[in-house]
N, C-alpha and C. Protein backbone atom coordinates (compact mmCIF):
# COMPACT_ATOMS: atom_id res chain seq x y z
N LYS A 1 -32.82 30.26 45.18
CA LYS A 1 -32.12 31.39 44.58
C LYS A 1 -33.07 32.12 43.64
N GLU A 2 -32.92 33.40 43.56
CA GLU A 2 -33.78 34.20 42.70
C GLU A 2 -33.57 33.83 41.24
N ASN A 3 -34.65 33.79 40.47
CA ASN A 3 -34.66 33.45 39.04
C ASN A 3 -34.21 32.01 38.75
N SER A 4 -34.25 31.16 39.74
CA SER A 4 -33.88 29.77 39.56
C SER A 4 -35.04 29.03 38.90
N PRO A 5 -34.78 28.21 37.87
CA PRO A 5 -35.88 27.50 37.21
C PRO A 5 -36.45 26.41 38.11
N VAL A 6 -37.67 26.01 37.83
CA VAL A 6 -38.27 24.88 38.53
C VAL A 6 -37.57 23.61 38.04
N ILE A 7 -37.25 22.74 38.99
CA ILE A 7 -36.52 21.50 38.70
C ILE A 7 -37.34 20.33 39.20
N GLY A 8 -37.37 19.26 38.44
CA GLY A 8 -37.90 17.98 38.89
C GLY A 8 -36.71 17.04 38.99
N LEU A 9 -36.34 16.62 40.21
CA LEU A 9 -35.15 15.79 40.44
C LEU A 9 -35.56 14.36 40.73
N TYR A 10 -35.07 13.44 39.92
CA TYR A 10 -35.30 12.01 40.10
C TYR A 10 -34.03 11.42 40.70
N SER A 11 -34.15 10.75 41.85
CA SER A 11 -32.96 10.19 42.50
C SER A 11 -33.35 8.97 43.33
N GLU A 12 -32.37 8.41 44.02
CA GLU A 12 -32.57 7.24 44.88
C GLU A 12 -33.28 6.12 44.13
N TYR A 13 -32.78 5.84 42.92
CA TYR A 13 -33.36 4.77 42.11
C TYR A 13 -33.15 3.42 42.79
N GLU A 14 -34.21 2.64 42.89
CA GLU A 14 -34.13 1.29 43.44
C GLU A 14 -33.31 0.39 42.51
N SER A 15 -33.52 0.56 41.20
CA SER A 15 -32.81 -0.26 40.21
C SER A 15 -32.64 0.54 38.92
N ASP A 16 -33.71 0.70 38.19
CA ASP A 16 -33.71 1.45 36.93
C ASP A 16 -35.05 2.20 36.85
N HIS A 17 -35.44 2.61 35.65
CA HIS A 17 -36.69 3.38 35.54
C HIS A 17 -37.95 2.55 35.83
N ASN A 18 -37.79 1.23 35.94
CA ASN A 18 -38.94 0.39 36.28
C ASN A 18 -39.13 0.22 37.78
N GLY A 19 -38.09 0.53 38.57
CA GLY A 19 -38.17 0.40 40.02
C GLY A 19 -38.63 1.70 40.66
N GLU A 20 -38.64 1.69 41.97
CA GLU A 20 -39.04 2.89 42.71
C GLU A 20 -37.91 3.91 42.69
N TYR A 21 -38.28 5.17 42.86
CA TYR A 21 -37.32 6.26 42.92
C TYR A 21 -37.95 7.41 43.68
N THR A 22 -37.16 8.41 43.99
CA THR A 22 -37.65 9.61 44.67
C THR A 22 -37.74 10.74 43.66
N LEU A 23 -38.83 11.51 43.72
CA LEU A 23 -39.00 12.68 42.87
C LEU A 23 -39.23 13.89 43.77
N ILE A 24 -38.38 14.89 43.62
CA ILE A 24 -38.52 16.15 44.35
C ILE A 24 -38.71 17.25 43.31
N VAL A 25 -39.74 18.07 43.50
CA VAL A 25 -39.98 19.20 42.61
C VAL A 25 -39.72 20.47 43.41
N GLY A 26 -38.90 21.35 42.83
CA GLY A 26 -38.58 22.57 43.55
C GLY A 26 -37.68 23.47 42.73
N ALA A 27 -36.87 24.24 43.44
CA ALA A 27 -35.94 25.17 42.80
C ALA A 27 -34.65 25.18 43.61
N GLU A 28 -33.60 25.66 43.00
CA GLU A 28 -32.31 25.73 43.67
C GLU A 28 -32.38 26.76 44.80
N VAL A 29 -31.80 26.40 45.94
CA VAL A 29 -31.74 27.30 47.08
C VAL A 29 -30.32 27.34 47.62
N ASN A 30 -30.01 28.36 48.40
CA ASN A 30 -28.73 28.41 49.09
C ASN A 30 -28.75 27.38 50.21
N GLU A 31 -27.60 26.81 50.52
CA GLU A 31 -27.52 25.81 51.58
C GLU A 31 -27.94 26.35 52.93
N THR A 32 -27.88 27.66 53.10
CA THR A 32 -28.24 28.26 54.39
C THR A 32 -29.75 28.36 54.57
N GLU A 33 -30.53 28.16 53.50
CA GLU A 33 -31.99 28.23 53.59
C GLU A 33 -32.54 26.85 53.94
N GLU A 34 -32.54 26.51 55.21
CA GLU A 34 -32.87 25.15 55.60
C GLU A 34 -34.28 24.95 56.14
N ASP A 35 -34.97 26.00 56.51
CA ASP A 35 -36.26 25.85 57.16
C ASP A 35 -37.31 25.24 56.23
N ASN A 36 -37.87 24.13 56.68
CA ASN A 36 -39.00 23.48 56.01
C ASN A 36 -38.74 23.08 54.56
N PHE A 37 -37.51 22.72 54.22
CA PHE A 37 -37.18 22.29 52.87
C PHE A 37 -36.79 20.82 52.87
N THR A 38 -37.12 20.14 51.81
CA THR A 38 -36.58 18.82 51.53
C THR A 38 -35.50 19.02 50.49
N PHE A 39 -34.32 18.46 50.75
CA PHE A 39 -33.19 18.69 49.85
C PHE A 39 -32.90 17.46 49.01
N GLY A 40 -32.46 17.70 47.80
CA GLY A 40 -31.96 16.67 46.91
C GLY A 40 -30.73 17.22 46.22
N LYS A 41 -29.87 16.33 45.75
CA LYS A 41 -28.66 16.78 45.07
C LYS A 41 -28.58 16.17 43.69
N ILE A 42 -28.19 17.01 42.74
CA ILE A 42 -27.89 16.52 41.40
C ILE A 42 -26.46 16.00 41.45
N VAL A 43 -26.30 14.72 41.18
CA VAL A 43 -24.98 14.08 41.26
C VAL A 43 -24.08 14.64 40.16
N LYS A 44 -22.86 14.98 40.53
CA LYS A 44 -21.89 15.47 39.55
C LYS A 44 -21.55 14.35 38.57
N GLY A 45 -21.51 14.69 37.30
CA GLY A 45 -21.20 13.69 36.29
C GLY A 45 -21.61 14.16 34.91
N GLU A 46 -21.64 13.23 33.98
CA GLU A 46 -21.99 13.54 32.60
C GLU A 46 -23.48 13.33 32.39
N TYR A 47 -24.10 14.27 31.68
CA TYR A 47 -25.55 14.22 31.42
C TYR A 47 -25.81 14.38 29.92
N LEU A 48 -26.82 13.69 29.46
CA LEU A 48 -27.31 13.85 28.10
C LEU A 48 -28.61 14.63 28.22
N SER A 49 -28.70 15.76 27.51
CA SER A 49 -29.84 16.66 27.64
C SER A 49 -30.76 16.54 26.43
N PHE A 50 -32.05 16.43 26.71
CA PHE A 50 -33.07 16.35 25.68
C PHE A 50 -33.98 17.57 25.82
N ASN A 51 -34.08 18.38 24.78
CA ASN A 51 -34.93 19.57 24.80
C ASN A 51 -36.32 19.18 24.32
N ILE A 52 -37.32 19.51 25.13
CA ILE A 52 -38.70 19.14 24.85
C ILE A 52 -39.52 20.42 24.72
N LYS A 53 -40.27 20.54 23.62
CA LYS A 53 -41.14 21.69 23.42
C LYS A 53 -42.52 21.20 23.02
N GLY A 54 -43.53 21.93 23.47
CA GLY A 54 -44.90 21.57 23.08
C GLY A 54 -45.85 21.79 24.23
N ASP A 55 -47.07 21.36 24.04
CA ASP A 55 -48.11 21.52 25.05
C ASP A 55 -47.91 20.51 26.17
N PHE A 56 -47.82 21.03 27.40
CA PHE A 56 -47.68 20.16 28.57
C PHE A 56 -49.07 19.67 28.98
N PRO A 57 -49.27 18.50 29.51
CA PRO A 57 -48.26 17.51 29.83
C PRO A 57 -47.95 16.55 28.68
N GLN A 58 -48.69 16.65 27.58
CA GLN A 58 -48.49 15.71 26.48
C GLN A 58 -47.05 15.70 25.97
N ALA A 59 -46.44 16.86 25.85
CA ALA A 59 -45.07 16.94 25.34
C ALA A 59 -44.08 16.26 26.29
N ILE A 60 -44.33 16.39 27.60
CA ILE A 60 -43.46 15.75 28.59
C ILE A 60 -43.58 14.23 28.50
N ILE A 61 -44.79 13.74 28.42
CA ILE A 61 -45.02 12.30 28.31
C ILE A 61 -44.35 11.76 27.05
N GLN A 62 -44.52 12.45 25.92
CA GLN A 62 -43.89 12.02 24.68
C GLN A 62 -42.36 12.11 24.78
N GLY A 63 -41.87 13.15 25.45
CA GLY A 63 -40.42 13.30 25.63
C GLY A 63 -39.83 12.12 26.39
N TRP A 64 -40.45 11.73 27.50
CA TRP A 64 -39.95 10.58 28.26
C TRP A 64 -40.06 9.28 27.45
N THR A 65 -41.14 9.14 26.68
CA THR A 65 -41.28 7.96 25.82
C THR A 65 -40.13 7.91 24.82
N ASP A 66 -39.81 9.03 24.21
CA ASP A 66 -38.70 9.10 23.26
C ASP A 66 -37.36 8.80 23.93
N ILE A 67 -37.18 9.28 25.15
CA ILE A 67 -35.94 9.02 25.89
C ILE A 67 -35.79 7.52 26.18
N TYR A 68 -36.86 6.88 26.67
CA TYR A 68 -36.80 5.44 26.91
C TYR A 68 -36.43 4.70 25.63
N ARG A 69 -37.04 5.09 24.53
CA ARG A 69 -36.77 4.46 23.24
C ARG A 69 -35.31 4.70 22.82
N TYR A 70 -34.80 5.90 23.05
CA TYR A 70 -33.42 6.23 22.70
C TYR A 70 -32.45 5.27 23.40
N PHE A 71 -32.64 5.07 24.70
CA PHE A 71 -31.72 4.21 25.44
C PHE A 71 -31.91 2.73 25.12
N GLU A 72 -33.12 2.33 24.76
CA GLU A 72 -33.35 0.95 24.32
C GLU A 72 -32.61 0.67 23.02
N ASN A 73 -32.58 1.66 22.12
CA ASN A 73 -31.99 1.47 20.80
C ASN A 73 -30.53 1.87 20.70
N ASN A 74 -29.99 2.55 21.70
CA ASN A 74 -28.61 3.02 21.64
C ASN A 74 -27.83 2.39 22.79
N LYS A 75 -27.21 1.26 22.53
CA LYS A 75 -26.50 0.51 23.57
C LYS A 75 -25.13 1.09 23.89
N LYS A 76 -24.68 2.09 23.13
CA LYS A 76 -23.37 2.71 23.38
C LYS A 76 -23.43 3.71 24.53
N VAL A 77 -24.63 4.18 24.86
CA VAL A 77 -24.80 5.16 25.93
C VAL A 77 -25.66 4.51 27.01
N GLU A 78 -25.12 4.46 28.25
CA GLU A 78 -25.84 3.83 29.36
C GLU A 78 -26.19 4.84 30.43
N ARG A 79 -27.38 4.70 30.97
CA ARG A 79 -27.80 5.53 32.09
C ARG A 79 -27.14 5.05 33.38
N THR A 80 -26.89 5.97 34.30
CA THR A 80 -26.32 5.60 35.59
C THR A 80 -27.39 5.40 36.66
N PHE A 81 -28.56 6.01 36.49
CA PHE A 81 -29.64 5.97 37.48
C PHE A 81 -29.16 6.49 38.83
N THR A 82 -28.37 7.57 38.80
CA THR A 82 -27.94 8.25 40.02
C THR A 82 -28.85 9.43 40.29
N SER A 83 -28.94 10.35 39.33
CA SER A 83 -29.90 11.45 39.40
C SER A 83 -30.16 11.93 37.98
N ASP A 84 -31.39 12.22 37.71
CA ASP A 84 -31.82 12.80 36.44
C ASP A 84 -32.67 14.01 36.82
N PHE A 85 -32.74 15.00 35.93
CA PHE A 85 -33.56 16.15 36.31
C PHE A 85 -34.18 16.83 35.11
N GLU A 86 -35.39 17.34 35.35
CA GLU A 86 -36.11 18.15 34.38
C GLU A 86 -35.91 19.61 34.78
N GLU A 87 -35.61 20.43 33.82
CA GLU A 87 -35.41 21.86 34.06
C GLU A 87 -36.46 22.60 33.23
N TYR A 88 -37.45 23.18 33.89
CA TYR A 88 -38.55 23.85 33.20
C TYR A 88 -38.13 25.26 32.80
N LEU A 89 -38.06 25.50 31.49
CA LEU A 89 -37.56 26.76 30.96
C LEU A 89 -38.68 27.76 30.71
N SER A 90 -39.87 27.27 30.38
CA SER A 90 -41.04 28.12 30.14
C SER A 90 -42.28 27.25 30.26
N GLU A 91 -43.42 27.82 29.92
CA GLU A 91 -44.68 27.07 30.01
C GLU A 91 -44.78 25.94 28.98
N ASN A 92 -43.90 25.96 27.97
CA ASN A 92 -43.97 24.91 26.95
C ASN A 92 -42.59 24.43 26.50
N GLU A 93 -41.59 24.56 27.39
CA GLU A 93 -40.25 24.06 27.05
C GLU A 93 -39.52 23.61 28.31
N LEU A 94 -38.86 22.47 28.22
CA LEU A 94 -38.02 22.00 29.30
C LEU A 94 -36.87 21.19 28.73
N ASN A 95 -35.84 21.02 29.55
CA ASN A 95 -34.75 20.11 29.25
C ASN A 95 -34.86 18.94 30.21
N ILE A 96 -34.77 17.73 29.69
CA ILE A 96 -34.69 16.54 30.53
C ILE A 96 -33.24 16.08 30.45
N ASN A 97 -32.57 16.04 31.60
CA ASN A 97 -31.15 15.72 31.69
C ASN A 97 -30.98 14.35 32.33
N ILE A 98 -30.36 13.44 31.59
CA ILE A 98 -30.21 12.05 32.01
C ILE A 98 -28.74 11.77 32.32
N ALA A 99 -28.47 11.29 33.54
CA ALA A 99 -27.09 10.94 33.92
C ALA A 99 -26.65 9.70 33.14
N ILE A 100 -25.47 9.81 32.53
CA ILE A 100 -24.94 8.69 31.75
C ILE A 100 -23.54 8.35 32.21
N LYS A 101 -23.13 7.10 31.91
CA LYS A 101 -21.77 6.67 32.19
C LYS A 101 -20.84 7.42 31.27
N SER A 102 -19.68 7.84 31.78
CA SER A 102 -18.72 8.59 30.97
C SER A 102 -18.34 7.80 29.75
N ARG A 103 -18.21 8.54 28.65
CA ARG A 103 -17.89 7.87 27.38
C ARG A 103 -16.41 7.86 27.14
């Protein structure tokens, strides 16, 4: 779709963030645009969004480190490991959206 942000979709988790998973990088398209595309779906559900700003790739690496630490220290919020996605907003800002169990 026109003006669609670049997305990094993490899905098909083997177990958790330590196991294997699938990563697809792309943008949202209409379902009718099927030629030569690999498709992934963002699972419907509740997501916790983390806004990351700074110089890439260092800011992204630090963002994921902070997210891992957040879930290690916050036992009230659990990840589902269904689909997570990065939404690139600009050259130095993105949202990392983590699927969580409904609260």
